[in-house]
PDB file of N, CA and C in Angstrom:
ATOM      1  N   MET A   1     -15.745  13.716  21.429  1.00  0.00           N
ATOM      2  CA  MET A   1     -15.656  12.901  20.421  1.00  0.00           C
ATOM      3  C   MET A   1     -14.327  13.232  19.252  1.00  0.00           C
ATOM      4  N   GLU A   2     -13.863  12.482  19.475  1.00  0.00           N
ATOM      5  CA  GLU A   2     -12.581  12.840  17.953  1.00  0.00           C
ATOM      6  C   GLU A   2     -13.081  12.776  16.735  1.00  0.00           C
ATOM      7  N   GLN A   3     -12.896  14.080  15.991  1.00  0.00           N
ATOM      8  CA  GLN A   3     -13.185  13.818  14.485  1.00  0.00           C
ATOM      9  C   GLN A   3     -12.298  13.015  13.589  1.00  0.00           C
ATOM     10  N   ILE A   4     -12.344  12.490  12.792  1.00  0.00           N
ATOM     11  CA  ILE A   4     -12.007  11.331  11.796  1.00  0.00           C
ATOM     12  C   ILE A   4     -11.452  12.464  10.873  1.00  0.00           C
ATOM     13  N   ASN A   5     -10.165  12.348  10.318  1.00  0.00           N
ATOM     14  CA  ASN A   5      -9.325  13.212   9.746  1.00  0.00           C
ATOM     15  C   ASN A   5      -7.864  12.583   8.910  1.00  0.00           C
ATOM     16  N   PRO A   6      -7.671  13.213   7.793  1.00  0.00           N
ATOM     17  CA  PRO A   6      -6.387  12.015   7.259  1.00  0.00           C
ATOM     18  C   PRO A   6      -5.087  12.180   8.232  1.00  0.00           C
ATOM     19  N   THR A   7      -5.350  13.249   8.867  1.00  0.00           N
ATOM     20  CA  THR A   7      -3.608  13.647   9.747  1.00  0.00           C
ATOM     21  C   THR A   7      -3.590  12.439  10.903  1.00  0.00           C
ATOM     22  N   ASN A   8      -4.646  12.176  11.377  1.00  0.00           N
ATOM     23  CA  ASN A   8      -4.786  11.166  12.513  1.00  0.00           C
ATOM     24  C   ASN A   8      -4.653   9.598  12.170  1.00  0.00           C
ATOM     25  N   GLY A   9      -4.580   9.306  10.761  1.00  0.00           N
ATOM     26  CA  GLY A   9      -4.622   7.988  10.433  1.00  0.00           C
ATOM     27  C   GLY A   9      -6.111   6.999  10.685  1.00  0.00           C
ATOM     28  N   GLY A  10      -7.149   7.422  11.221  1.00  0.00           N
ATOM     29  CA  GLY A  10      -8.504   7.044  11.047  1.00  0.00           C
ATOM     30  C   GLY A  10      -8.690   6.603   9.699  1.00  0.00           C
ATOM     31  N   PHE A  11      -8.747   7.826   8.703  1.00  0.00           N
ATOM     32  CA  PHE A  11      -8.975   6.880   7.459  1.00  0.00           C
ATOM     33  C   PHE A  11      -8.972   6.160   6.710  1.00  0.00           C
ATOM     34  N   ALA A  12      -7.280   6.076   7.067  1.00  0.00           N
ATOM     35  CA  ALA A  12      -6.309   4.859   6.356  1.00  0.00           C
ATOM     36  C   ALA A  12      -6.848   3.738   6.915  1.00  0.00           C
ATOM     37  N   VAL A  13      -7.353   3.328   8.463  1.00  0.00           N
ATOM     38  CA  VAL A  13      -7.473   1.876   8.722  1.00  0.00           C
ATOM     39  C   VAL A  13      -8.502   1.733   8.366  1.00  0.00           C
ATOM     40  N   GLY A  14      -9.747   3.106   8.687  1.00  0.00           N
ATOM     41  CA  GLY A  14     -11.121   2.645   7.625  1.00  0.00           C
ATOM     42  C   GLY A  14     -10.854   1.957   6.336  1.00  0.00           C
ATOM     43  N   TRP A  15     -10.050   2.541   5.481  1.00  0.00           N
ATOM     44  CA  TRP A  15     -10.198   2.374   4.526  1.00  0.00           C
ATOM     45  C   TRP A  15      -9.237   0.724   3.769  1.00  0.00           C
ATOM     46  N   PHE A  16      -8.355   0.589   4.717  1.00  0.00           N
ATOM     47  CA  PHE A  16      -7.654  -0.580   5.054  1.00  0.00           C
ATOM     48  C   PHE A  16      -8.691  -2.184   5.224  1.00  0.00           C
ATOM     49  N   THR A  17      -9.504  -1.428   6.462  1.00  0.00           N
ATOM     50  CA  THR A  17     -10.269  -2.759   6.843  1.00  0.00           C
ATOM     51  C   THR A  17     -11.366  -3.025   6.148  1.00  0.00           C
ATOM     52  N   LEU A  18     -11.693  -1.839   5.075  1.00  0.00           N
ATOM     53  CA  LEU A  18     -12.993  -1.984   3.885  1.00  0.00           C
ATOM     54  C   LEU A  18     -12.506  -3.130   3.268  1.00  0.00           C
ATOM     55  N   SER A  19     -11.360  -3.049   3.245  1.00  0.00           N
ATOM     56  CA  SER A  19     -10.537  -4.015   1.999  1.00  0.00           C
ATOM     57  C   SER A  19     -10.513  -5.359   2.519  1.00  0.00           C
ATOM     58  N   LEU A  20     -10.177  -5.688   3.854  1.00  0.00           N
ATOM     59  CA  LEU A  20     -10.345  -6.683   4.235  1.00  0.00           C
ATOM     60  C   LEU A  20     -11.745  -7.528   4.493  1.00  0.00           C
ATOM     61  N   ILE A  21     -12.671  -6.479   4.576  1.00  0.00           N
ATOM     62  CA  ILE A  21     -14.364  -6.573   4.222  1.00  0.00           C
ATOM     63  C   ILE A  21     -14.476  -7.563   2.819  1.00  0.00           C
ATOM     64  N   ASN A  22     -13.990  -6.645   2.243  1.00  0.00           N
ATOM     65  CA  ASN A  22     -14.255  -6.574   0.594  1.00  0.00           C
ATOM     66  C   ASN A  22     -13.480  -8.000   0.041  1.00  0.00           C
ATOM     67  N   SER A  23     -12.439  -8.125   0.605  1.00  0.00           N
ATOM     68  CA  SER A  23     -11.723  -9.642   0.671  1.00  0.00           C
ATOM     69  C   SER A  23     -12.351 -10.878   0.981  1.00  0.00           C
ATOM     70  N   GLY A  24     -12.801 -10.702   2.055  1.00  0.00           N
ATOM     71  CA  GLY A  24     -13.846 -11.860   2.785  1.00  0.00           C
ATOM     72  C   GLY A  24     -15.433 -11.692   1.725  1.00  0.00           C
ATOM     73  N   ILE A  25     -15.705 -10.841   1.333  1.00  0.00           N
ATOM     74  CA  ILE A  25     -16.944 -10.811   0.764  1.00  0.00           C
ATOM     75  C   ILE A  25     -16.644 -11.782  -0.571  1.00  0.00           C
ATOM     76  N   ALA A  26     -15.682 -11.325  -1.185  1.00  0.00           N
ATOM     77  CA  ALA A  26     -15.111 -12.146  -2.584  1.00  0.00           C
ATOM     78  C   ALA A  26     -14.940 -13.505  -2.667  1.00  0.00           C
ATOM     79  N   GLN A  27     -14.544 -13.784  -1.687  1.00  0.00           N
ATOM     80  CA  GLN A  27     -14.094 -15.214  -1.286  1.00  0.00           C
ATOM     81  C   GLN A  27     -15.632 -15.698  -0.638  1.00  0.00           C
ATOM     82  N   GLY A  28     -16.519 -15.080  -0.400  1.00  0.00           N
ATOM     83  CA  GLY A  28     -18.052 -15.970  -0.254  1.00  0.00           C
ATOM     84  C   GLY A  28     -18.531 -16.049  -1.623  1.00  0.00           C
ATOM     85  N   LYS A  29     -18.320 -15.836  -2.523  1.00  0.00           N
ATOM     86  CA  LYS A  29     -18.826 -15.243  -3.834  1.00  0.00           C
ATOM     87  C   LYS A  29     -17.709 -16.378  -4.853  1.00  0.00           C
ATOM     88  N   ASN A  30     -16.459 -17.188  -4.141  1.00  0.00           N
ATOM     89  CA  ASN A  30     -15.822 -17.842  -5.124  1.00  0.00           C
ATOM     90  C   ASN A  30     -15.105 -16.509  -5.790  1.00  0.00           C
ATOM     91  N   ARG A  31     -14.547 -15.875  -5.438  1.00  0.00           N
ATOM     92  CA  ARG A  31     -13.442 -15.121  -6.110  1.00  0.00           C
ATOM     93  C   ARG A  31     -12.569 -14.949  -5.558  1.00  0.00           C
ATOM     94  N   SER A  32     -11.445 -14.449  -6.232  1.00  0.00           N
ATOM     95  CA  SER A  32      -9.792 -13.957  -5.431  1.00  0.00           C
ATOM     96  C   SER A  32      -9.937 -13.261  -4.627  1.00  0.00           C
ATOM     97  N   GLY A  33      -9.953 -13.363  -3.195  1.00  0.00           N
ATOM     98  CA  GLY A  33      -9.790 -12.301  -1.869  1.00  0.00           C
ATOM     99  C   GLY A  33      -8.645 -11.872  -2.376  1.00  0.00           C
ATOM    100  N   PHE A  34      -7.506 -12.248  -2.511  1.00  0.00           N
ATOM    101  CA  PHE A  34      -6.321 -11.365  -2.383  1.00  0.00           C
ATOM    102  C   PHE A  34      -6.362 -10.869  -3.571  1.00  0.00           C
ATOM    103  N   TRP A  35      -6.849 -10.971  -4.688  1.00  0.00           N
ATOM    104  CA  TRP A  35      -6.792 -10.002  -5.948  1.00  0.00           C
ATOM    105  C   TRP A  35      -8.033  -8.957  -5.568  1.00  0.00           C
ATOM    106  N   TRP A  36      -8.508  -9.293  -4.852  1.00  0.00           N
ATOM    107  CA  TRP A  36      -9.909  -7.898  -4.289  1.00  0.00           C
ATOM    108  C   TRP A  36      -9.468  -7.574  -3.344  1.00  0.00           C
ATOM    109  N   TRP A  37      -8.605  -7.833  -2.545  1.00  0.00           N
ATOM    110  CA  TRP A  37      -8.416  -6.568  -1.322  1.00  0.00           C
ATOM    111  C   TRP A  37      -7.268  -5.961  -1.897  1.00  0.00           C
ATOM    112  N   VAL A  38      -6.568  -6.156  -2.986  1.00  0.00           N
ATOM    113  CA  VAL A  38      -5.515  -5.643  -3.933  1.00  0.00           C
ATOM    114  C   VAL A  38      -6.527  -4.331  -4.459  1.00  0.00           C
ATOM    115  N   ILE A  39      -7.439  -4.573  -4.755  1.00  0.00           N
ATOM    116  CA  ILE A  39      -8.270  -3.707  -5.833  1.00  0.00           C
ATOM    117  C   ILE A  39      -8.748  -3.115  -4.959  1.00  0.00           C
ATOM    118  N   SER A  40      -9.404  -3.448  -3.735  1.00  0.00           N
ATOM    119  CA  SER A  40     -10.043  -2.447  -2.775  1.00  0.00           C
ATOM    120  C   SER A  40      -9.036  -1.495  -2.190  1.00  0.00           C
ATOM    121  N   LEU A  41      -8.017  -1.508  -1.686  1.00  0.00           N
ATOM    122  CA  LEU A  41      -6.826  -0.756  -1.688  1.00  0.00           C
ATOM    123  C   LEU A  41      -6.885   0.322  -2.594  1.00  0.00           C
ATOM    124  N   PHE A  42      -7.239   0.493  -3.932  1.00  0.00           N
ATOM    125  CA  PHE A  42      -6.693   1.378  -4.385  1.00  0.00           C
ATOM    126  C   PHE A  42      -8.616   2.022  -4.995  1.00  0.00           C
ATOM    127  N   ILE A  43      -9.398   1.129  -4.967  1.00  0.00           N
ATOM    128  CA  ILE A  43     -11.291   1.597  -5.301  1.00  0.00           C
ATOM    129  C   ILE A  43     -11.814   1.258  -4.267  1.00  0.00           C
ATOM    130  N   GLY A  44     -11.485   1.168  -2.763  1.00  0.00           N
ATOM    131  CA  GLY A  44     -12.585   0.710  -1.978  1.00  0.00           C
ATOM    132  C   GLY A  44     -13.819   0.929  -1.791  1.00  0.00           C
ATOM    133  N   PRO A  45     -14.642   2.016  -1.665  1.00  0.00           N
ATOM    134  CA  PRO A  45     -16.058   1.752  -1.335  1.00  0.00           C
ATOM    135  C   PRO A  45     -16.345   0.907  -2.886  1.00  0.00           C
ATOM    136  N   LEU A  46     -16.362   1.802  -4.231  1.00  0.00           N
ATOM    137  CA  LEU A  46     -16.577   1.033  -5.436  1.00  0.00           C
ATOM    138  C   LEU A  46     -16.128  -0.626  -5.678  1.00  0.00           C
ATOM    139  N   ALA A  47     -14.978  -1.084  -5.002  1.00  0.00           N
ATOM    140  CA  ALA A  47     -14.928  -2.112  -5.262  1.00  0.00           C
ATOM    141  C   ALA A  47     -16.048  -3.155  -4.192  1.00  0.00           C
ATOM    142  N   THR A  48     -16.449  -2.543  -3.273  1.00  0.00           N
ATOM    143  CA  THR A  48     -17.961  -3.271  -2.579  1.00  0.00           C
ATOM    144  C   THR A  48     -18.689  -3.730  -3.154  1.00  0.00           C
ATOM    145  N   LEU A  49     -18.946  -2.333  -3.943  1.00  0.00           N
ATOM    146  CA  LEU A  49     -20.303  -2.229  -4.519  1.00  0.00           C
ATOM    147  C   LEU A  49     -20.256  -2.959  -5.879  1.00  0.00           C
ATOM    148  N   ILE A  50     -18.688  -3.165  -6.683  1.00  0.00           N
ATOM    149  CA  ILE A  50     -18.714  -3.881  -7.767  1.00  0.00           C
ATOM    150  C   ILE A  50     -18.882  -5.757  -7.276  1.00  0.00           C
ATOM    151  N   ILE A  51     -18.442  -6.116  -5.717  1.00  0.00           N
ATOM    152  CA  ILE A  51     -18.780  -7.101  -4.932  1.00  0.00           C
ATOM    153  C   ILE A  51     -19.954  -7.802  -5.364  1.00  0.00           C
ATOM    154  N   VAL A  52     -20.616  -6.741  -4.809  1.00  0.00           N
ATOM    155  CA  VAL A  52     -22.085  -7.109  -4.333  1.00  0.00           C
ATOM    156  C   VAL A  52     -22.809  -7.456  -5.275  1.00  0.00           C
ATOM    157  N   LEU A  53     -22.618  -5.916  -6.578  1.00  0.00           N
ATOM    158  CA  LEU A  53     -23.127  -6.976  -8.024  1.00  0.00           C
ATOM    159  C   LEU A  53     -23.100  -8.154  -8.559  1.00  0.00           C
ATOM    160  N   LEU A  54     -21.518  -8.627  -8.491  1.00  0.00           N
ATOM    161  CA  LEU A  54     -21.048  -9.496  -9.501  1.00  0.00           C
ATOM    162  C   LEU A  54     -21.759 -11.037  -8.887  1.00  0.00           C
ATOM    163  N   PRO A  55     -22.235 -11.653 -10.127  1.00  0.00           N
ATOM    164  CA  PRO A  55     -22.780 -13.013  -9.437  1.00  0.00           C
ATOM    165  C   PRO A  55     -21.531 -13.685  -8.919  1.00  0.00           C
ATOM    166  N   ARG A  56     -22.158 -14.780  -8.368  1.00  0.00           N
ATOM    167  CA  ARG A  56     -21.067 -15.638  -7.901  1.00  0.00           C
ATOM    168  C   ARG A  56     -20.105 -16.367  -9.172  1.00  0.00           C
ATOM    169  N   GLY A  57     -19.447 -16.573  -8.546  1.00  0.00           N
ATOM    170  CA  GLY A  57     -18.357 -17.142  -9.573  1.00  0.00           C
ATOM    171  C   GLY A  57     -18.650 -18.910  -9.667  1.00  0.00           C
ATOM    172  N   ALA A  58     -17.471 -19.268  -9.981  1.00  0.00           N
ATOM    173  CA  ALA A  58     -17.684 -21.107 -10.522  1.00  0.00           C
ATOM    174  C   ALA A  58     -17.125 -21.392  -9.627  1.00  0.00           C
ATOM    175  N   PRO A  59     -17.712 -22.516  -8.824  1.00  0.00           N
ATOM    176  CA  PRO A  59     -16.588 -22.927  -7.769  1.00  0.00           C
ATOM    177  C   PRO A  59     -15.614 -23.912  -7.938  1.00  0.00           C
ATOM    178  N   ARG A  60     -14.292 -23.649  -7.500  1.00  0.00           N
ATOM    179  CA  ARG A  60     -13.066 -24.357  -7.382  1.00  0.00           C
ATOM    180  C   ARG A  60     -12.647 -25.548  -7.930  1.00  0.00           C
TER     181      ARG A  60
END
């Protein structure tokens, strides 16, 4: 089994995938998926926690 380390790209793929998941969660809460995707690229798992704890936004 191959270990994930920063040199083989697994970390980056996981981080990018998490940002896409966060975008979907944000859209489900009536928030901007694009902006949460951008934020997630920088703060990753912390963005997930913030999105989950935020109340649902007003309908558009």
